[in-house]
Amino acid sequence: MEIILLERIAKLGQMGDVVRVRNGFARNFLLPAGKALRASKANKARFETEKVHLEARNLEARTEAEGVAEKLAGQTFVIIRSAGETGQLYGSAAARDIVEVAEAGGFSVARRQVRLDRPIKTIGLHDVQIDLHPEVSVSVTLNVARSEDEAKRQARGEDLTRRDFYDEPEVEEAAEEAPDLAEVFENPEDAEHAGETAEASEDGAQEDGTSDAGSGEDGASEGGTEDEKSA
């Protein structure tokens, strides 16, 4: 279908251009929204008659949009949503949610002005374009987080979608090591003496164990001999 554009349409043309588009796009969007007219002889004549008025109206709307753009550009809006440990939302954030947080921040934005190709389904910082006018667009940041605290952390640059933010820290058990005697005693001779004493104690313990074992064996032998004599 051939139409006459009544305003600038991205990827189509400027006001007054006659272009050919798909019938469904014209009937379902451009014509009902007042963005175009069918390119009939009557409508072409009508456009030429109203061209000055249309241009003046467009200029006024663009000037107003530019005023809003100066305040809106670069703004960050926070949306709190439930999500899993990896940052996947239990649901999504759509254009209507952006409209709500923008209005809460004092900005009037229509849902059709939010350019969002697909709903947001993860936490993090997301750039969203707002088309305030066919010739005026701004970019805002949507901070989607599980809590206000996490939103602040994300604003500082933290990536909360990484698993290492949620993994339990591994506790390393320190091996118990005997202290160095040279560090315990200030006098090297004392350290040497303590070492010799410790070694002597270990040797004595081993000898005692050996003696006890020997005594047990001797006792058993003597007992056996007496039993044999009695028999």
C-alpha atoms as a PDB file:
ATOM      1  CA  MET A   1       0.000   0.000   0.000  1.00  0.00           C
ATOM      2  CA  GLU A   2       1.214   3.521  -0.819  1.00  0.00           C
ATOM      3  CA  ILE A   3       0.960   6.039   1.998  1.00  0.00           C
ATOM      4  CA  ILE A   4       1.907   9.654   2.751  1.00  0.00           C
ATOM      5  CA  LEU A   5       3.954  10.025   5.914  1.00  0.00           C
ATOM      6  CA  LEU A   6       2.670  12.700   8.304  1.00  0.00           C
ATOM      7  CA  GLU A   7       5.818  12.522  10.426  1.00  0.00           C
ATOM      8  CA  ARG A   8       9.292  11.031  10.296  1.00  0.00           C
ATOM      9  CA  ILE A   9       9.213   7.243  10.562  1.00  0.00           C
ATOM     10  CA  ALA A  10      12.504   5.439  11.169  1.00  0.00           C
ATOM     11  CA  LYS A  11      13.649   3.412   8.161  1.00  0.00           C
ATOM     12  CA  LEU A  12      10.709   4.700   6.089  1.00  0.00           C
ATOM     13  CA  GLY A  13      11.123   8.394   5.426  1.00  0.00           C
ATOM     14  CA  GLN A  14      10.403  11.998   6.382  1.00  0.00           C
ATOM     15  CA  MET A  15       7.143  13.920   6.631  1.00  0.00           C
ATOM     16  CA  GLY A  16       5.489  14.231   3.220  1.00  0.00           C
ATOM     17  CA  ASP A  17       7.275  11.245   1.667  1.00  0.00           C
ATOM     18  CA  VAL A  18       5.140   8.819  -0.318  1.00  0.00           C
ATOM     19  CA  VAL A  19       6.260   5.270   0.458  1.00  0.00           C
ATOM     20  CA  ARG A  20       5.040   1.738  -0.082  1.00  0.00           C
ATOM     21  CA  VAL A  21       4.549  -0.501   2.969  1.00  0.00           C
ATOM     22  CA  ARG A  22       2.861  -3.782   3.791  1.00  0.00           C
ATOM     23  CA  ASN A  23      -0.913  -3.551   4.031  1.00  0.00           C
ATOM     24  CA  GLY A  24      -0.982  -4.924   7.580  1.00  0.00           C
ATOM     25  CA  PHE A  25       1.606  -2.440   8.849  1.00  0.00           C
ATOM     26  CA  ALA A  26      -0.369   0.454   7.363  1.00  0.00           C
ATOM     27  CA  ARG A  27      -3.796  -0.699   8.523  1.00  0.00           C
ATOM     28  CA  ASN A  28      -2.787  -1.886  11.993  1.00  0.00           C
ATOM     29  CA  PHE A  29      -0.315   0.832  12.975  1.00  0.00           C
ATOM     30  CA  LEU A  30       0.427   3.793  10.697  1.00  0.00           C
ATOM     31  CA  LEU A  31      -3.100   4.783   9.685  1.00  0.00           C
ATOM     32  CA  PRO A  32      -4.821   4.274  13.100  1.00  0.00           C
ATOM     33  CA  ALA A  33      -2.004   6.146  14.857  1.00  0.00           C
ATOM     34  CA  GLY A  34      -2.370   9.147  12.562  1.00  0.00           C
ATOM     35  CA  LYS A  35       1.155   8.779  11.258  1.00  0.00           C
ATOM     36  CA  ALA A  36       0.179   8.428   7.611  1.00  0.00           C
ATOM     37  CA  LEU A  37      -2.566   8.773   5.010  1.00  0.00           C
ATOM     38  CA  ARG A  38      -3.418   6.616   2.048  1.00  0.00           C
ATOM     39  CA  ALA A  39      -1.682   8.056  -0.996  1.00  0.00           C
ATOM     40  CA  SER A  40      -4.866   8.903  -2.893  1.00  0.00           C
ATOM     41  CA  LYS A  41      -5.240  12.047  -5.018  1.00  0.00           C
ATOM     42  CA  ALA A  42      -7.594  13.555  -2.444  1.00  0.00           C
ATOM     43  CA  ASN A  43      -5.193  12.884   0.437  1.00  0.00           C
ATOM     44  CA  LYS A  44      -2.231  14.257  -1.509  1.00  0.00           C
ATOM     45  CA  ALA A  45      -4.139  17.494  -2.055  1.00  0.00           C
ATOM     46  CA  ARG A  46      -5.170  17.520   1.617  1.00  0.00           C
ATOM     47  CA  PHE A  47      -1.571  17.093   2.724  1.00  0.00           C
ATOM     48  CA  GLU A  48      -0.403  20.036   0.630  1.00  0.00           C
ATOM     49  CA  THR A  49      -3.135  22.157   2.182  1.00  0.00           C
ATOM     50  CA  GLU A  50      -2.283  21.140   5.767  1.00  0.00           C
ATOM     51  CA  LYS A  51       1.497  20.870   5.289  1.00  0.00           C
ATOM     52  CA  VAL A  52       2.321  24.159   6.992  1.00  0.00           C
ATOM     53  CA  HIS A  53       0.116  23.316   9.976  1.00  0.00           C
ATOM     54  CA  LEU A  54       1.593  19.809  10.234  1.00  0.00           C
ATOM     55  CA  GLU A  55       5.153  21.140  10.152  1.00  0.00           C
ATOM     56  CA  ALA A  56       4.364  23.722  12.843  1.00  0.00           C
ATOM     57  CA  ARG A  57       2.776  21.050  15.032  1.00  0.00           C
ATOM     58  CA  ASN A  58       5.758  18.749  14.524  1.00  0.00           C
ATOM     59  CA  LEU A  59       8.190  21.524  15.458  1.00  0.00           C
ATOM     60  CA  GLU A  60       6.273  22.243  18.651  1.00  0.00           C
ATOM     61  CA  ALA A  61       6.188  18.574  19.625  1.00  0.00           C
ATOM     62  CA  ARG A  62       9.901  18.188  18.871  1.00  0.00           C
ATOM     63  CA  THR A  63      10.816  21.233  20.975  1.00  0.00           C
ATOM     64  CA  GLU A  64       8.822  19.847  23.890  1.00  0.00           C
ATOM     65  CA  ALA A  65      10.459  16.434  23.490  1.00  0.00           C
ATOM     66  CA  GLU A  66      13.932  17.972  23.441  1.00  0.00           C
ATOM     67  CA  GLY A  67      13.178  19.709  26.746  1.00  0.00           C
ATOM     68  CA  VAL A  68      12.188  16.387  28.325  1.00  0.00           C
ATOM     69  CA  ALA A  69      15.195  14.649  26.758  1.00  0.00           C
ATOM     70  CA  GLU A  70      17.638  16.997  28.506  1.00  0.00           C
ATOM     71  CA  LYS A  71      16.339  15.827  31.897  1.00  0.00           C
ATOM     72  CA  LEU A  72      15.612  12.210  31.048  1.00  0.00           C
ATOM     73  CA  ALA A  73      18.812  11.298  29.194  1.00  0.00           C
ATOM     74  CA  GLY A  74      21.175   9.212  31.321  1.00  0.00           C
ATOM     75  CA  GLN A  75      18.681   8.599  34.135  1.00  0.00           C
ATOM     76  CA  THR A  76      18.780   5.295  36.016  1.00  0.00           C
ATOM     77  CA  PHE A  77      15.622   3.590  37.248  1.00  0.00           C
ATOM     78  CA  VAL A  78      15.555   0.680  39.698  1.00  0.00           C
ATOM     79  CA  ILE A  79      13.202  -2.266  39.352  1.00  0.00           C
ATOM     80  CA  ILE A  80      13.120  -4.896  42.113  1.00  0.00           C
ATOM     81  CA  ARG A  81      12.331  -8.434  41.000  1.00  0.00           C
ATOM     82  CA  SER A  82      12.724 -11.962  42.380  1.00  0.00           C
ATOM     83  CA  ALA A  83      15.485 -13.957  40.701  1.00  0.00           C
ATOM     84  CA  GLY A  84      17.610 -17.074  41.105  1.00  0.00           C
ATOM     85  CA  GLU A  85      21.272 -17.231  42.100  1.00  0.00           C
ATOM     86  CA  THR A  86      22.417 -16.914  38.479  1.00  0.00           C
ATOM     87  CA  GLY A  87      20.364 -13.746  38.000  1.00  0.00           C
ATOM     88  CA  GLN A  88      17.517 -15.255  35.977  1.00  0.00           C
ATOM     89  CA  LEU A  89      14.273 -13.444  36.813  1.00  0.00           C
ATOM     90  CA  TYR A  90      11.188 -15.293  37.961  1.00  0.00           C
ATOM     91  CA  GLY A  91       9.241 -13.448  35.290  1.00  0.00           C
ATOM     92  CA  SER A  92      10.420 -10.399  33.350  1.00  0.00           C
ATOM     93  CA  ALA A  93      10.525  -6.597  33.167  1.00  0.00           C
ATOM     94  CA  ALA A  94       8.532  -5.200  30.244  1.00  0.00           C
ATOM     95  CA  ALA A  95       7.763  -1.803  28.721  1.00  0.00           C
ATOM     96  CA  ARG A  96       4.901  -1.157  31.144  1.00  0.00           C
ATOM     97  CA  ASP A  97       7.291  -1.587  34.087  1.00  0.00           C
ATOM     98  CA  ILE A  98       9.642   1.004  32.586  1.00  0.00           C
ATOM     99  CA  VAL A  99       6.721   3.407  32.153  1.00  0.00           C
ATOM    100  CA  GLU A 100       5.772   2.945  35.822  1.00  0.00           C
ATOM    101  CA  VAL A 101       9.255   3.607  37.244  1.00  0.00           C
ATOM    102  CA  ALA A 102       9.705   6.588  34.897  1.00  0.00           C
ATOM    103  CA  GLU A 103       6.426   8.092  36.068  1.00  0.00           C
ATOM    104  CA  ALA A 104       7.458   7.472  39.688  1.00  0.00           C
ATOM    105  CA  GLY A 105      10.599   9.461  38.886  1.00  0.00           C
ATOM    106  CA  GLY A 106       8.561  12.372  37.538  1.00  0.00           C
ATOM    107  CA  PHE A 107       8.720  11.619  33.798  1.00  0.00           C
ATOM    108  CA  SER A 108       5.712  11.090  31.547  1.00  0.00           C
ATOM    109  CA  VAL A 109       6.494   8.310  29.078  1.00  0.00           C
ATOM    110  CA  ALA A 110       4.047   6.413  26.896  1.00  0.00           C
ATOM    111  CA  ARG A 111       4.359   2.667  26.526  1.00  0.00           C
ATOM    112  CA  ARG A 112       4.693   2.970  22.747  1.00  0.00           C
ATOM    113  CA  GLN A 113       7.702   5.263  23.260  1.00  0.00           C
ATOM    114  CA  VAL A 114       9.705   2.532  25.000  1.00  0.00           C
ATOM    115  CA  ARG A 115      11.847   0.674  22.474  1.00  0.00           C
ATOM    116  CA  LEU A 116      12.289  -2.781  23.960  1.00  0.00           C
ATOM    117  CA  ASP A 117      12.776  -5.619  21.491  1.00  0.00           C
ATOM    118  CA  ARG A 118      12.162  -8.294  24.133  1.00  0.00           C
ATOM    119  CA  PRO A 119      11.340  -8.372  27.867  1.00  0.00           C
ATOM    120  CA  ILE A 120      14.266  -8.184  30.281  1.00  0.00           C
ATOM    121  CA  LYS A 121      14.779 -11.540  32.008  1.00  0.00           C
ATOM    122  CA  THR A 122      18.003 -11.093  33.996  1.00  0.00           C
ATOM    123  CA  ILE A 123      19.200  -8.811  36.755  1.00  0.00           C
ATOM    124  CA  GLY A 124      21.810  -6.212  35.902  1.00  0.00           C
ATOM    125  CA  LEU A 125      22.094  -2.854  34.162  1.00  0.00           C
ATOM    126  CA  HIS A 126      20.163  -2.619  30.907  1.00  0.00           C
ATOM    127  CA  ASP A 127      20.205   0.286  28.436  1.00  0.00           C
ATOM    128  CA  VAL A 128      16.744   1.147  27.126  1.00  0.00           C
ATOM    129  CA  GLN A 129      15.916   3.637  24.401  1.00  0.00           C
ATOM    130  CA  ILE A 130      12.985   6.016  24.778  1.00  0.00           C
ATOM    131  CA  ASP A 131      11.600   7.635  21.609  1.00  0.00           C
ATOM    132  CA  LEU A 132      10.123  10.891  22.875  1.00  0.00           C
ATOM    133  CA  HIS A 133       9.548  12.092  19.318  1.00  0.00           C
ATOM    134  CA  PRO A 134      10.256  10.688  15.854  1.00  0.00           C
ATOM    135  CA  GLU A 135      13.348  12.891  15.826  1.00  0.00           C
ATOM    136  CA  VAL A 136      14.252  12.788  19.539  1.00  0.00           C
ATOM    137  CA  SER A 137      15.457   9.672  21.367  1.00  0.00           C
ATOM    138  CA  VAL A 138      17.271   9.193  24.672  1.00  0.00           C
ATOM    139  CA  SER A 139      18.857   6.278  26.474  1.00  0.00           C
ATOM    140  CA  VAL A 140      18.123   5.412  30.108  1.00  0.00           C
ATOM    141  CA  THR A 141      19.493   2.674  32.351  1.00  0.00           C
ATOM    142  CA  LEU A 142      17.302   0.092  33.985  1.00  0.00           C
ATOM    143  CA  ASN A 143      18.855  -1.375  37.142  1.00  0.00           C
ATOM    144  CA  VAL A 144      17.051  -4.676  37.693  1.00  0.00           C
ATOM    145  CA  ALA A 145      17.953  -6.211  41.060  1.00  0.00           C
ATOM    146  CA  ARG A 146      16.655  -8.484  43.821  1.00  0.00           C
ATOM    147  CA  SER A 147      16.903  -5.783  46.477  1.00  0.00           C
ATOM    148  CA  GLU A 148      17.795  -2.142  46.946  1.00  0.00           C
ATOM    149  CA  ASP A 149      21.146  -3.196  48.395  1.00  0.00           C
ATOM    150  CA  GLU A 150      21.981  -5.278  45.331  1.00  0.00           C
ATOM    151  CA  ALA A 151      20.879  -2.413  43.092  1.00  0.00           C
ATOM    152  CA  LYS A 152      23.472  -0.202  44.786  1.00  0.00           C
ATOM    153  CA  ARG A 153      26.153  -2.870  44.338  1.00  0.00           C
ATOM    154  CA  GLN A 154      25.315  -3.207  40.661  1.00  0.00           C
ATOM    155  CA  ALA A 155      25.470   0.567  40.271  1.00  0.00           C
ATOM    156  CA  ARG A 156      29.031   0.374  41.655  1.00  0.00           C
ATOM    157  CA  GLY A 157      29.920  -2.111  38.934  1.00  0.00           C
ATOM    158  CA  GLU A 158      29.502  -5.495  40.635  1.00  0.00           C
ATOM    159  CA  ASP A 159      28.303  -8.381  38.471  1.00  0.00           C
ATOM    160  CA  LEU A 160      25.877 -10.304  40.671  1.00  0.00           C
ATOM    161  CA  THR A 161      25.089 -12.888  38.004  1.00  0.00           C
ATOM    162  CA  ARG A 162      28.441 -14.628  38.658  1.00  0.00           C
ATOM    163  CA  ARG A 163      28.154 -17.786  40.758  1.00  0.00           C
ATOM    164  CA  ASP A 164      31.209 -16.971  42.873  1.00  0.00           C
ATOM    165  CA  PHE A 165      29.145 -14.297  44.652  1.00  0.00           C
ATOM    166  CA  TYR A 166      27.001 -17.070  46.114  1.00  0.00           C
ATOM    167  CA  ASP A 167      29.383 -20.024  46.528  1.00  0.00           C
ATOM    168  CA  GLU A 168      30.307 -20.782  50.128  1.00  0.00           C
ATOM    169  CA  PRO A 169      33.925 -19.848  50.815  1.00  0.00           C
ATOM    170  CA  GLU A 170      36.150 -22.875  51.218  1.00  0.00           C
ATOM    171  CA  VAL A 171      37.652 -23.096  54.677  1.00  0.00           C
ATOM    172  CA  GLU A 172      41.159 -24.410  54.576  1.00  0.00           C
ATOM    173  CA  GLU A 173      42.175 -26.284  57.682  1.00  0.00           C
ATOM    174  CA  ALA A 174      45.653 -25.251  58.709  1.00  0.00           C
ATOM    175  CA  ALA A 175      47.936 -28.154  59.501  1.00  0.00           C
ATOM    176  CA  GLU A 176      49.125 -28.222  63.067  1.00  0.00           C
ATOM    177  CA  GLU A 177      52.854 -27.825  63.076  1.00  0.00           C
ATOM    178  CA  ALA A 178      55.231 -28.040  66.025  1.00  0.00           C
ATOM    179  CA  PRO A 179      56.738 -24.647  66.826  1.00  0.00           C
ATOM    180  CA  ASP A 180      60.344 -24.038  65.942  1.00  0.00           C
ATOM    181  CA  LEU A 181      62.306 -24.189  69.229  1.00  0.00           C
ATOM    182  CA  ALA A 182      64.675 -21.504  67.959  1.00  0.00           C
ATOM    183  CA  GLU A 183      61.676 -19.139  67.824  1.00  0.00           C
ATOM    184  CA  VAL A 184      60.458 -20.130  71.312  1.00  0.00           C
ATOM    185  CA  PHE A 185      63.777 -19.649  73.150  1.00  0.00           C
ATOM    186  CA  GLU A 186      65.804 -16.509  72.849  1.00  0.00           C
ATOM    187  CA  ASN A 187      69.049 -18.313  73.859  1.00  0.00           C
ATOM    188  CA  PRO A 188      70.188 -20.861  71.238  1.00  0.00           C
ATOM    189  CA  GLU A 189      71.695 -23.032  73.995  1.00  0.00           C
ATOM    190  CA  ASP A 190      68.309 -23.278  75.713  1.00  0.00           C
ATOM    191  CA  ALA A 191      66.716 -24.311  72.443  1.00  0.00           C
ATOM    192  CA  GLU A 192      69.370 -26.987  71.912  1.00  0.00           C
ATOM    193  CA  HIS A 193      68.941 -28.257  75.475  1.00  0.00           C
ATOM    194  CA  ALA A 194      65.159 -28.425  75.099  1.00  0.00           C
ATOM    195  CA  GLY A 195      65.571 -30.391  71.880  1.00  0.00           C
ATOM    196  CA  GLU A 196      67.906 -32.891  73.560  1.00  0.00           C
ATOM    197  CA  THR A 197      65.517 -33.257  76.477  1.00  0.00           C
ATOM    198  CA  ALA A 198      62.610 -33.968  74.125  1.00  0.00           C
ATOM    199  CA  GLU A 199      64.638 -36.588  72.246  1.00  0.00           C
ATOM    200  CA  ALA A 200      65.722 -38.220  75.503  1.00  0.00           C
ATOM    201  CA  SER A 201      62.106 -38.394  76.659  1.00  0.00           C
ATOM    202  CA  GLU A 202      61.082 -40.089  73.415  1.00  0.00           C
ATOM    203  CA  ASP A 203      63.957 -42.594  73.707  1.00  0.00           C
ATOM    204  CA  GLY A 204      63.056 -43.331  77.320  1.00  0.00           C
ATOM    205  CA  ALA A 205      59.446 -43.934  76.395  1.00  0.00           C
ATOM    206  CA  GLN A 206      60.474 -46.373  73.682  1.00  0.00           C
ATOM    207  CA  GLU A 207      62.831 -48.240  76.109  1.00  0.00           C
ATOM    208  CA  ASP A 208      60.090 -48.459  78.735  1.00  0.00           C
ATOM    209  CA  GLY A 209      57.764 -49.956  76.176  1.00  0.00           C
ATOM    210  CA  THR A 210      60.397 -52.482  75.166  1.00  0.00           C
ATOM    211  CA  SER A 211      61.151 -53.401  78.829  1.00  0.00           C
ATOM    212  CA  ASP A 212      57.479 -53.900  79.601  1.00  0.00           C
ATOM    213  CA  ALA A 213      57.103 -56.128  76.594  1.00  0.00           C
ATOM    214  CA  GLY A 214      60.186 -58.138  77.641  1.00  0.00           C
ATOM    215  CA  SER A 215      58.953 -58.485  81.216  1.00  0.00           C
ATOM    216  CA  GLY A 216      55.689 -59.810  79.949  1.00  0.00           C
ATOM    217  CA  GLU A 217      57.416 -62.397  77.871  1.00  0.00           C
ATOM    218  CA  ASP A 218      59.734 -63.448  80.790  1.00  0.00           C
ATOM    219  CA  GLY A 219      56.808 -63.741  83.138  1.00  0.00           C
ATOM    220  CA  ALA A 220      54.969 -65.899  80.677  1.00  0.00           C
ATOM    221  CA  SER A 221      58.042 -68.155  80.269  1.00  0.00           C
ATOM    222  CA  GLU A 222      58.528 -68.576  84.023  1.00  0.00           C
ATOM    223  CA  GLY A 223      54.888 -69.317  84.531  1.00  0.00           C
ATOM    224  CA  GLY A 224      55.043 -71.973  81.891  1.00  0.00           C
ATOM    225  CA  THR A 225      58.118 -73.628  83.484  1.00  0.00           C
ATOM    226  CA  GLU A 226      56.506 -73.818  86.948  1.00  0.00           C
ATOM    227  CA  ASP A 227      53.424 -75.367  85.445  1.00  0.00           C
ATOM    228  CA  GLU A 228      55.550 -77.981  83.728  1.00  0.00           C
ATOM    229  CA  LYS A 229      57.358 -78.847  87.035  1.00  0.00           C
ATOM    230  CA  SER A 230      54.079 -79.222  88.886  1.00  0.00           C
ATOM    231  CA  ALA A 231      52.860 -81.569  86.209  1.00  0.00           C
END
